Amino acid sequence: MPRSLKKGPYTDEKLLKKVQKAKPGEIIKTWSRRSTITPEMIGFTFGVHNGKDFITVKIEENMVGHKLGEFSPTTKFGRHGGKMQREIESKSAKK
């Protein structure tokens, strides 16, 4: 656990208030990627900001204890470069 046990998991207070006021099916927008997912959040859908867009994340039971940012990647994988990659791509283009 990255945080001391006596302090407990960190969850933004504004986010908890939004969860209490939200209706099921409503998307809760948040920029708080560092907040830990708690059992009260199960079943809600969050729009987690990745720096450019909001990625929708439906909270399930097995996500409890993880951070919201883990489910909203901030970088997009392009491809590996180099000679081997060009060969692989040329073979797939021929097919």
Protein backbone atom coordinates (compact mmCIF):
# COMPACT_ATOMS: atom_id res chain seq x y z
CA MET A 1 0.00 0.00 0.00
CA PRO A 2 1.56 3.32 -1.00
CA ARG A 3 0.06 5.27 1.89
CA SER A 4 0.45 4.71 5.62
CA LEU A 5 -2.20 2.47 7.17
CA LYS A 6 -3.03 4.96 9.92
CA LYS A 7 -3.85 7.66 7.32
CA GLY A 8 -6.00 5.40 5.16
CA PRO A 9 -6.59 5.66 1.40
CA TYR A 10 -6.81 9.11 -0.16
CA THR A 11 -10.04 10.07 -1.90
CA ASP A 12 -10.83 13.65 -2.85
CA GLU A 13 -13.63 15.07 -0.67
CA LYS A 14 -15.26 16.84 -3.64
CA LEU A 15 -15.39 13.53 -5.47
CA LEU A 16 -17.12 11.81 -2.54
CA LYS A 17 -19.73 14.59 -2.45
CA LYS A 18 -20.34 14.16 -6.18
CA VAL A 19 -20.83 10.41 -5.66
CA GLN A 20 -23.38 10.96 -2.90
CA LYS A 21 -25.38 13.43 -5.04
CA ALA A 22 -25.14 11.44 -8.29
CA LYS A 23 -27.88 9.27 -9.73
CA PRO A 24 -27.09 5.84 -11.18
CA GLY A 25 -26.31 6.04 -14.89
CA GLU A 26 -24.99 9.60 -14.62
CA ILE A 27 -21.34 10.21 -15.63
CA ILE A 28 -19.34 11.91 -12.89
CA LYS A 29 -16.54 14.02 -14.40
CA THR A 30 -13.33 14.21 -12.39
CA TRP A 31 -9.76 15.42 -12.70
CA SER A 32 -8.75 13.63 -9.49
CA ARG A 33 -6.77 10.72 -10.94
CA ARG A 34 -4.99 10.19 -7.60
CA SER A 35 -8.16 9.28 -5.72
CA THR A 36 -8.50 5.70 -4.51
CA ILE A 37 -11.62 3.80 -5.55
CA THR A 38 -13.81 3.04 -2.51
CA PRO A 39 -16.75 0.61 -2.13
CA GLU A 40 -19.24 3.53 -2.27
CA MET A 41 -18.21 4.14 -5.90
CA ILE A 42 -19.19 0.68 -7.18
CA GLY A 43 -21.75 0.88 -9.98
CA PHE A 44 -21.09 4.51 -10.90
CA THR A 45 -19.54 5.70 -14.15
CA PHE A 46 -16.72 8.24 -13.98
CA GLY A 47 -15.28 10.46 -16.69
CA VAL A 48 -11.60 10.47 -15.73
CA HIS A 49 -9.52 13.20 -17.38
CA ASN A 50 -6.35 12.03 -19.12
CA GLY A 51 -5.01 15.49 -19.97
CA LYS A 52 -7.00 15.84 -23.18
CA ASP A 53 -10.30 13.96 -22.94
CA PHE A 54 -12.52 12.30 -20.38
CA ILE A 55 -12.24 8.50 -20.48
CA THR A 56 -15.37 6.74 -19.19
CA VAL A 57 -14.66 4.22 -16.45
CA LYS A 58 -17.41 1.99 -15.04
CA ILE A 59 -16.44 1.05 -11.48
CA GLU A 60 -16.68 -2.64 -10.62
CA GLU A 61 -16.03 -4.55 -7.44
CA ASN A 62 -12.55 -5.75 -8.42
CA MET A 63 -11.35 -2.13 -8.91
CA VAL A 64 -11.66 -1.20 -5.22
CA GLY A 65 -8.30 -0.12 -3.80
CA HIS A 66 -6.89 1.01 -7.15
CA LYS A 67 -6.51 4.62 -8.30
CA LEU A 68 -8.85 6.19 -10.87
CA GLY A 69 -5.89 7.18 -13.04
CA GLU A 70 -4.91 3.54 -13.59
CA PHE A 71 -7.94 3.07 -15.84
CA SER A 72 -7.43 6.23 -17.92
CA PRO A 73 -4.14 6.02 -19.87
CA THR A 74 -2.45 9.34 -20.63
CA THR A 75 -0.28 8.20 -23.53
CA LYS A 76 -1.17 6.49 -26.78
CA PHE A 77 1.10 3.72 -28.06
CA GLY A 78 2.18 4.37 -31.62
CA ARG A 79 4.35 1.43 -32.58
CA HIS A 80 7.82 0.07 -32.14
CA GLY A 81 10.34 1.30 -34.67
CA GLY A 82 13.32 -0.20 -36.40
CA LYS A 83 14.11 -2.71 -39.10
CA MET A 84 12.15 -5.62 -37.61
CA GLN A 85 8.96 -3.57 -37.37
CA ARG A 86 9.23 -2.48 -41.02
CA GLU A 87 9.62 -6.13 -42.08
CA ILE A 88 6.56 -7.18 -40.08
CA GLU A 89 4.48 -4.35 -41.57
CA SER A 90 5.62 -5.12 -45.14
CA LYS A 91 4.65 -8.81 -44.71
CA SER A 92 1.20 -7.87 -43.41
CA ALA A 93 0.74 -5.37 -46.27
CA LYS A 94 1.49 -8.08 -48.86
CA LYS A 95 -1.22 -10.34 -47.44
